[in-house]
Amino acid sequence: MSDAAIVALVALGFGVVLVRRRSLAIVLVAAQALLLGIGAVTLAGGAGGALAVAGAILIVRAAILPALLFGATRRAREPALVAPATTAVVRLLLAAAVTAVAVGAVEPLGLGDRSAEHGAVTLLCLGIVTVVTRRPAILQIIGILVAENGVYLLAVAGGLSSAVEIGVLFDLALVVTVAVAFSRKIHEEVGSGDTDLLRGLRD
């Protein structure tokens, strides 16, 4: 993928870390998936083959998974915005520090495209930071998707076959479906998607 596309993917990942609204975070992660799909199709150069199929799958994923998440947010509306555990500035500084250390520490992965490797590691770290620092369950699910997009970036840069891509997509769809169901259950039990409220539960 081009350096500009990788920079855009990383910028969207930082956006997920910073935004407060779940709906906006869903849009950002969907844009990531769409950009990955378009990048894979572009790399295929119109010649078809496994990479083009993988790109098409990523584009479909860009529509299906956000649709699941939007459905979950509509069925589990918060009475008010969940107060973030940390400020946007703290999340930004933490994300920047973690990604800088990780990118500097990771050895070349053998793809021959260091920009893609660095972008993939950055997205993985941003996903982890999102899961750790965000309280709403939906935002934590989105953090997992950001990390998964880092894996997909490596897959596209490394020419992952369509058969493996379909298998990983099915697994991810299953995980997200279960996670959305879990989020709905939390909301039913405690009246909010704020996972910090689970700390007060006792057997």
C-alpha atoms as a PDB file:
ATOM      1  CA  MET A   1       0.000   0.000   0.000  1.00  0.00           C
ATOM      2  CA  SER A   2       1.054   3.593  -0.528  1.00  0.00           C
ATOM      3  CA  ASP A   3       2.601   5.584   2.296  1.00  0.00           C
ATOM      4  CA  ALA A   4      -0.340   8.015   2.148  1.00  0.00           C
ATOM      5  CA  ALA A   5      -2.835   5.190   2.686  1.00  0.00           C
ATOM      6  CA  ILE A   6      -0.837   3.859   5.637  1.00  0.00           C
ATOM      7  CA  VAL A   7      -0.668   7.337   7.186  1.00  0.00           C
ATOM      8  CA  ALA A   8      -4.460   7.623   6.765  1.00  0.00           C
ATOM      9  CA  LEU A   9      -4.978   4.249   8.465  1.00  0.00           C
ATOM     10  CA  VAL A  10      -2.840   5.330  11.412  1.00  0.00           C
ATOM     11  CA  ALA A  11      -4.592   8.709  11.636  1.00  0.00           C
ATOM     12  CA  LEU A  12      -7.967   6.945  11.787  1.00  0.00           C
ATOM     13  CA  GLY A  13      -6.583   4.702  14.533  1.00  0.00           C
ATOM     14  CA  PHE A  14      -5.536   7.714  16.587  1.00  0.00           C
ATOM     15  CA  GLY A  15      -8.989   9.149  15.964  1.00  0.00           C
ATOM     16  CA  VAL A  16     -10.563   6.082  17.577  1.00  0.00           C
ATOM     17  CA  VAL A  17      -8.351   6.609  20.620  1.00  0.00           C
ATOM     18  CA  LEU A  18      -9.422  10.247  20.930  1.00  0.00           C
ATOM     19  CA  VAL A  19     -13.135  10.389  20.101  1.00  0.00           C
ATOM     20  CA  ARG A  20     -15.739  10.102  22.815  1.00  0.00           C
ATOM     21  CA  ARG A  21     -18.855   9.072  20.891  1.00  0.00           C
ATOM     22  CA  ARG A  22     -19.302   5.415  19.992  1.00  0.00           C
ATOM     23  CA  SER A  23     -20.973   6.255  16.683  1.00  0.00           C
ATOM     24  CA  LEU A  24     -18.013   8.312  15.511  1.00  0.00           C
ATOM     25  CA  ALA A  25     -15.559   5.588  16.540  1.00  0.00           C
ATOM     26  CA  ILE A  26     -17.574   3.054  14.507  1.00  0.00           C
ATOM     27  CA  VAL A  27     -17.378   5.317  11.449  1.00  0.00           C
ATOM     28  CA  LEU A  28     -13.616   5.669  11.850  1.00  0.00           C
ATOM     29  CA  VAL A  29     -12.968   1.927  12.128  1.00  0.00           C
ATOM     30  CA  ALA A  30     -15.272   1.307   9.155  1.00  0.00           C
ATOM     31  CA  ALA A  31     -13.268   3.828   7.143  1.00  0.00           C
ATOM     32  CA  GLN A  32     -10.111   1.920   8.094  1.00  0.00           C
ATOM     33  CA  ALA A  33     -11.534  -1.345   6.803  1.00  0.00           C
ATOM     34  CA  LEU A  34     -12.754   0.291   3.599  1.00  0.00           C
ATOM     35  CA  LEU A  35      -9.351   1.868   2.978  1.00  0.00           C
ATOM     36  CA  LEU A  36      -7.676  -1.505   3.503  1.00  0.00           C
ATOM     37  CA  GLY A  37     -10.045  -3.130   1.030  1.00  0.00           C
ATOM     38  CA  ILE A  38      -9.497  -0.443  -1.597  1.00  0.00           C
ATOM     39  CA  GLY A  39      -5.741  -0.699  -1.061  1.00  0.00           C
ATOM     40  CA  ALA A  40      -5.799  -4.453  -1.625  1.00  0.00           C
ATOM     41  CA  VAL A  41      -7.862  -4.105  -4.807  1.00  0.00           C
ATOM     42  CA  THR A  42      -5.512  -1.383  -6.038  1.00  0.00           C
ATOM     43  CA  LEU A  43      -2.470  -3.568  -5.396  1.00  0.00           C
ATOM     44  CA  ALA A  44      -4.123  -6.335  -7.396  1.00  0.00           C
ATOM     45  CA  GLY A  45      -4.092  -3.926 -10.338  1.00  0.00           C
ATOM     46  CA  GLY A  46      -7.325  -5.161 -11.876  1.00  0.00           C
ATOM     47  CA  ALA A  47      -5.762  -8.535 -12.622  1.00  0.00           C
ATOM     48  CA  GLY A  48      -7.973 -10.398 -10.169  1.00  0.00           C
ATOM     49  CA  GLY A  49      -6.536 -13.201  -8.095  1.00  0.00           C
ATOM     50  CA  ALA A  50      -6.295 -13.767  -4.366  1.00  0.00           C
ATOM     51  CA  LEU A  51      -5.404 -10.195  -3.452  1.00  0.00           C
ATOM     52  CA  ALA A  52      -8.414  -8.791  -5.317  1.00  0.00           C
ATOM     53  CA  VAL A  53     -10.694 -11.294  -3.571  1.00  0.00           C
ATOM     54  CA  ALA A  54      -9.177 -10.361  -0.216  1.00  0.00           C
ATOM     55  CA  GLY A  55      -9.807  -6.684  -0.975  1.00  0.00           C
ATOM     56  CA  ALA A  56     -13.436  -7.392  -1.835  1.00  0.00           C
ATOM     57  CA  ILE A  57     -13.859  -9.291   1.435  1.00  0.00           C
ATOM     58  CA  LEU A  58     -12.397  -6.379   3.393  1.00  0.00           C
ATOM     59  CA  ILE A  59     -14.795  -3.966   1.681  1.00  0.00           C
ATOM     60  CA  VAL A  60     -17.750  -6.189   2.611  1.00  0.00           C
ATOM     61  CA  ARG A  61     -16.382  -6.380   6.152  1.00  0.00           C
ATOM     62  CA  ALA A  62     -16.311  -2.568   6.225  1.00  0.00           C
ATOM     63  CA  ALA A  63     -20.100  -2.611   5.884  1.00  0.00           C
ATOM     64  CA  ILE A  64     -21.151  -5.686   7.853  1.00  0.00           C
ATOM     65  CA  LEU A  65     -19.237  -5.289  11.109  1.00  0.00           C
ATOM     66  CA  PRO A  66     -20.087  -1.597  11.666  1.00  0.00           C
ATOM     67  CA  ALA A  67     -23.727  -2.470  10.939  1.00  0.00           C
ATOM     68  CA  LEU A  68     -23.583  -4.977  13.803  1.00  0.00           C
ATOM     69  CA  LEU A  69     -22.063  -2.375  16.099  1.00  0.00           C
ATOM     70  CA  PHE A  70     -24.548   0.353  15.153  1.00  0.00           C
ATOM     71  CA  GLY A  71     -27.342  -2.140  15.821  1.00  0.00           C
ATOM     72  CA  ALA A  72     -25.900  -2.848  19.248  1.00  0.00           C
ATOM     73  CA  THR A  73     -25.635   0.837  20.144  1.00  0.00           C
ATOM     74  CA  ARG A  74     -29.247   1.450  19.097  1.00  0.00           C
ATOM     75  CA  ARG A  75     -30.485  -1.410  21.265  1.00  0.00           C
ATOM     76  CA  ALA A  76     -28.347  -0.350  24.231  1.00  0.00           C
ATOM     77  CA  ARG A  77     -28.543   3.429  24.319  1.00  0.00           C
ATOM     78  CA  GLU A  78     -26.766   5.148  27.180  1.00  0.00           C
ATOM     79  CA  PRO A  79     -28.816   7.661  29.228  1.00  0.00           C
ATOM     80  CA  ALA A  80     -25.773   9.964  28.983  1.00  0.00           C
ATOM     81  CA  LEU A  81     -22.248   9.859  27.623  1.00  0.00           C
ATOM     82  CA  VAL A  82     -20.086   7.534  29.714  1.00  0.00           C
ATOM     83  CA  ALA A  83     -17.392   9.612  31.400  1.00  0.00           C
ATOM     84  CA  PRO A  84     -14.004   8.544  29.995  1.00  0.00           C
ATOM     85  CA  ALA A  85     -11.536   7.047  32.447  1.00  0.00           C
ATOM     86  CA  THR A  86      -8.809   9.335  31.063  1.00  0.00           C
ATOM     87  CA  THR A  87      -8.740  12.595  29.147  1.00  0.00           C
ATOM     88  CA  ALA A  88      -8.164  12.717  25.403  1.00  0.00           C
ATOM     89  CA  VAL A  89      -4.749  14.292  25.947  1.00  0.00           C
ATOM     90  CA  VAL A  90      -3.657  11.479  28.279  1.00  0.00           C
ATOM     91  CA  ARG A  91      -4.893   8.854  25.807  1.00  0.00           C
ATOM     92  CA  LEU A  92      -3.062  10.582  22.967  1.00  0.00           C
ATOM     93  CA  LEU A  93       0.209  10.779  24.893  1.00  0.00           C
ATOM     94  CA  LEU A  94      -0.085   7.160  26.036  1.00  0.00           C
ATOM     95  CA  ALA A  95      -0.855   5.957  22.506  1.00  0.00           C
ATOM     96  CA  ALA A  96       2.031   7.940  21.042  1.00  0.00           C
ATOM     97  CA  ALA A  97       4.477   6.625  23.653  1.00  0.00           C
ATOM     98  CA  VAL A  98       3.405   2.987  23.314  1.00  0.00           C
ATOM     99  CA  THR A  99       3.509   3.044  19.531  1.00  0.00           C
ATOM    100  CA  ALA A 100       6.881   4.793  19.433  1.00  0.00           C
ATOM    101  CA  VAL A 101       8.428   2.171  21.714  1.00  0.00           C
ATOM    102  CA  ALA A 102       6.819  -0.723  19.849  1.00  0.00           C
ATOM    103  CA  VAL A 103       7.790   0.503  16.383  1.00  0.00           C
ATOM    104  CA  GLY A 104      11.358   1.066  17.546  1.00  0.00           C
ATOM    105  CA  ALA A 105      11.592  -2.347  19.198  1.00  0.00           C
ATOM    106  CA  VAL A 106      10.086  -4.544  16.466  1.00  0.00           C
ATOM    107  CA  GLU A 107      12.581  -6.071  14.077  1.00  0.00           C
ATOM    108  CA  PRO A 108      11.854  -6.206  10.320  1.00  0.00           C
ATOM    109  CA  LEU A 109       9.132  -8.759   9.634  1.00  0.00           C
ATOM    110  CA  GLY A 110      10.412  -9.729   6.208  1.00  0.00           C
ATOM    111  CA  LEU A 111       7.700  -8.118   4.090  1.00  0.00           C
ATOM    112  CA  GLY A 112      10.095  -5.756   2.367  1.00  0.00           C
ATOM    113  CA  ASP A 113       7.766  -2.840   3.149  1.00  0.00           C
ATOM    114  CA  ARG A 114       8.838  -1.168   6.375  1.00  0.00           C
ATOM    115  CA  SER A 115       6.067   1.454   6.132  1.00  0.00           C
ATOM    116  CA  ALA A 116       3.430  -1.277   6.148  1.00  0.00           C
ATOM    117  CA  GLU A 117       5.176  -3.091   8.995  1.00  0.00           C
ATOM    118  CA  HIS A 118       5.366   0.092  11.088  1.00  0.00           C
ATOM    119  CA  GLY A 119       1.750   0.936  10.281  1.00  0.00           C
ATOM    120  CA  ALA A 120       0.585  -2.537  11.290  1.00  0.00           C
ATOM    121  CA  VAL A 121       2.449  -2.401  14.610  1.00  0.00           C
ATOM    122  CA  THR A 122       1.046   1.069  15.264  1.00  0.00           C
ATOM    123  CA  LEU A 123      -2.536  -0.061  14.634  1.00  0.00           C
ATOM    124  CA  LEU A 124      -2.044  -3.058  16.893  1.00  0.00           C
ATOM    125  CA  CYS A 125      -0.815  -0.787  19.687  1.00  0.00           C
ATOM    126  CA  LEU A 126      -3.611   1.735  19.150  1.00  0.00           C
ATOM    127  CA  GLY A 127      -6.152  -1.058  19.402  1.00  0.00           C
ATOM    128  CA  ILE A 128      -4.658  -2.259  22.673  1.00  0.00           C
ATOM    129  CA  VAL A 129      -4.573   1.278  24.095  1.00  0.00           C
ATOM    130  CA  THR A 130      -8.230   1.742  23.129  1.00  0.00           C
ATOM    131  CA  VAL A 131      -9.259  -1.478  24.897  1.00  0.00           C
ATOM    132  CA  VAL A 132      -7.310  -0.550  28.028  1.00  0.00           C
ATOM    133  CA  THR A 133      -8.327   3.098  28.330  1.00  0.00           C
ATOM    134  CA  ARG A 134     -11.961   3.135  27.184  1.00  0.00           C
ATOM    135  CA  ARG A 135     -14.832   2.200  29.487  1.00  0.00           C
ATOM    136  CA  PRO A 136     -17.836   1.535  27.187  1.00  0.00           C
ATOM    137  CA  ALA A 137     -17.892  -2.070  26.018  1.00  0.00           C
ATOM    138  CA  ILE A 138     -18.607  -1.055  22.403  1.00  0.00           C
ATOM    139  CA  LEU A 139     -15.489   1.120  22.319  1.00  0.00           C
ATOM    140  CA  GLN A 140     -13.460  -1.790  23.651  1.00  0.00           C
ATOM    141  CA  ILE A 141     -14.818  -3.953  20.817  1.00  0.00           C
ATOM    142  CA  ILE A 142     -13.805  -1.234  18.368  1.00  0.00           C
ATOM    143  CA  GLY A 143     -10.313  -1.298  19.863  1.00  0.00           C
ATOM    144  CA  ILE A 144     -10.124  -5.000  18.987  1.00  0.00           C
ATOM    145  CA  LEU A 145     -11.158  -4.149  15.423  1.00  0.00           C
ATOM    146  CA  VAL A 146      -8.424  -1.520  15.146  1.00  0.00           C
ATOM    147  CA  ALA A 147      -5.857  -4.118  16.226  1.00  0.00           C
ATOM    148  CA  GLU A 148      -7.338  -6.578  13.716  1.00  0.00           C
ATOM    149  CA  ASN A 149      -6.943  -3.950  11.004  1.00  0.00           C
ATOM    150  CA  GLY A 150      -3.247  -3.898  11.805  1.00  0.00           C
ATOM    151  CA  VAL A 151      -3.140  -7.639  11.149  1.00  0.00           C
ATOM    152  CA  TYR A 152      -5.023  -7.114   7.889  1.00  0.00           C
ATOM    153  CA  LEU A 153      -2.525  -4.467   6.818  1.00  0.00           C
ATOM    154  CA  LEU A 154       0.234  -7.036   7.232  1.00  0.00           C
ATOM    155  CA  ALA A 155      -1.891  -9.541   5.327  1.00  0.00           C
ATOM    156  CA  VAL A 156      -2.398  -7.181   2.390  1.00  0.00           C
ATOM    157  CA  ALA A 157       1.271  -6.181   2.283  1.00  0.00           C
ATOM    158  CA  GLY A 158       2.311  -9.837   2.465  1.00  0.00           C
ATOM    159  CA  GLY A 159      -0.152 -11.119  -0.130  1.00  0.00           C
ATOM    160  CA  LEU A 160      -2.336 -13.230   2.151  1.00  0.00           C
ATOM    161  CA  SER A 161      -4.353 -15.780   0.175  1.00  0.00           C
ATOM    162  CA  SER A 162      -8.115 -15.399  -0.143  1.00  0.00           C
ATOM    163  CA  ALA A 163      -8.766 -18.728   1.566  1.00  0.00           C
ATOM    164  CA  VAL A 164      -6.958 -17.623   4.720  1.00  0.00           C
ATOM    165  CA  GLU A 165      -8.611 -14.190   4.489  1.00  0.00           C
ATOM    166  CA  ILE A 166     -12.082 -15.744   4.426  1.00  0.00           C
ATOM    167  CA  GLY A 167     -11.214 -17.923   7.415  1.00  0.00           C
ATOM    168  CA  VAL A 168      -9.945 -14.977   9.455  1.00  0.00           C
ATOM    169  CA  LEU A 169     -12.975 -12.893   8.461  1.00  0.00           C
ATOM    170  CA  PHE A 170     -15.371 -15.605   9.636  1.00  0.00           C
ATOM    171  CA  ASP A 171     -13.508 -15.883  12.934  1.00  0.00           C
ATOM    172  CA  LEU A 172     -13.567 -12.105  13.429  1.00  0.00           C
ATOM    173  CA  ALA A 173     -17.272 -11.890  12.612  1.00  0.00           C
ATOM    174  CA  LEU A 174     -17.954 -14.615  15.178  1.00  0.00           C
ATOM    175  CA  VAL A 175     -15.890 -12.842  17.830  1.00  0.00           C
ATOM    176  CA  VAL A 176     -17.596  -9.498  17.223  1.00  0.00           C
ATOM    177  CA  THR A 177     -21.048 -11.114  17.301  1.00  0.00           C
ATOM    178  CA  VAL A 178     -20.283 -12.700  20.671  1.00  0.00           C
ATOM    179  CA  ALA A 179     -18.777  -9.452  21.952  1.00  0.00           C
ATOM    180  CA  VAL A 180     -21.849  -7.461  20.895  1.00  0.00           C
ATOM    181  CA  ALA A 181     -24.095  -9.975  22.660  1.00  0.00           C
ATOM    182  CA  PHE A 182     -21.921  -9.633  25.781  1.00  0.00           C
ATOM    183  CA  SER A 183     -22.210  -5.841  25.573  1.00  0.00           C
ATOM    184  CA  ARG A 184     -26.001  -6.092  25.398  1.00  0.00           C
ATOM    185  CA  LYS A 185     -26.028  -8.391  28.431  1.00  0.00           C
ATOM    186  CA  ILE A 186     -23.949  -5.913  30.427  1.00  0.00           C
ATOM    187  CA  HIS A 187     -26.409  -3.172  29.514  1.00  0.00           C
ATOM    188  CA  GLU A 188     -29.382  -5.307  30.537  1.00  0.00           C
ATOM    189  CA  GLU A 189     -27.848  -6.171  33.908  1.00  0.00           C
ATOM    190  CA  VAL A 190     -26.390  -2.813  34.989  1.00  0.00           C
ATOM    191  CA  GLY A 191     -28.240  -0.352  32.742  1.00  0.00           C
ATOM    192  CA  SER A 192     -25.079   0.883  31.063  1.00  0.00           C
ATOM    193  CA  GLY A 193     -22.263  -0.255  28.802  1.00  0.00           C
ATOM    194  CA  ASP A 194     -19.704   1.152  31.251  1.00  0.00           C
ATOM    195  CA  THR A 195     -17.489  -1.841  32.109  1.00  0.00           C
ATOM    196  CA  ASP A 196     -16.196  -0.098  35.257  1.00  0.00           C
ATOM    197  CA  LEU A 197     -19.600  -0.770  36.843  1.00  0.00           C
ATOM    198  CA  LEU A 198     -18.775  -4.495  36.745  1.00  0.00           C
ATOM    199  CA  ARG A 199     -16.165  -3.923  39.455  1.00  0.00           C
ATOM    200  CA  GLY A 200     -18.992  -3.534  41.954  1.00  0.00           C
ATOM    201  CA  LEU A 201     -20.541  -6.912  41.199  1.00  0.00           C
ATOM    202  CA  ARG A 202     -20.109  -9.714  43.759  1.00  0.00           C
ATOM    203  CA  ASP A 203     -20.995 -13.424  43.761  1.00  0.00           C
END
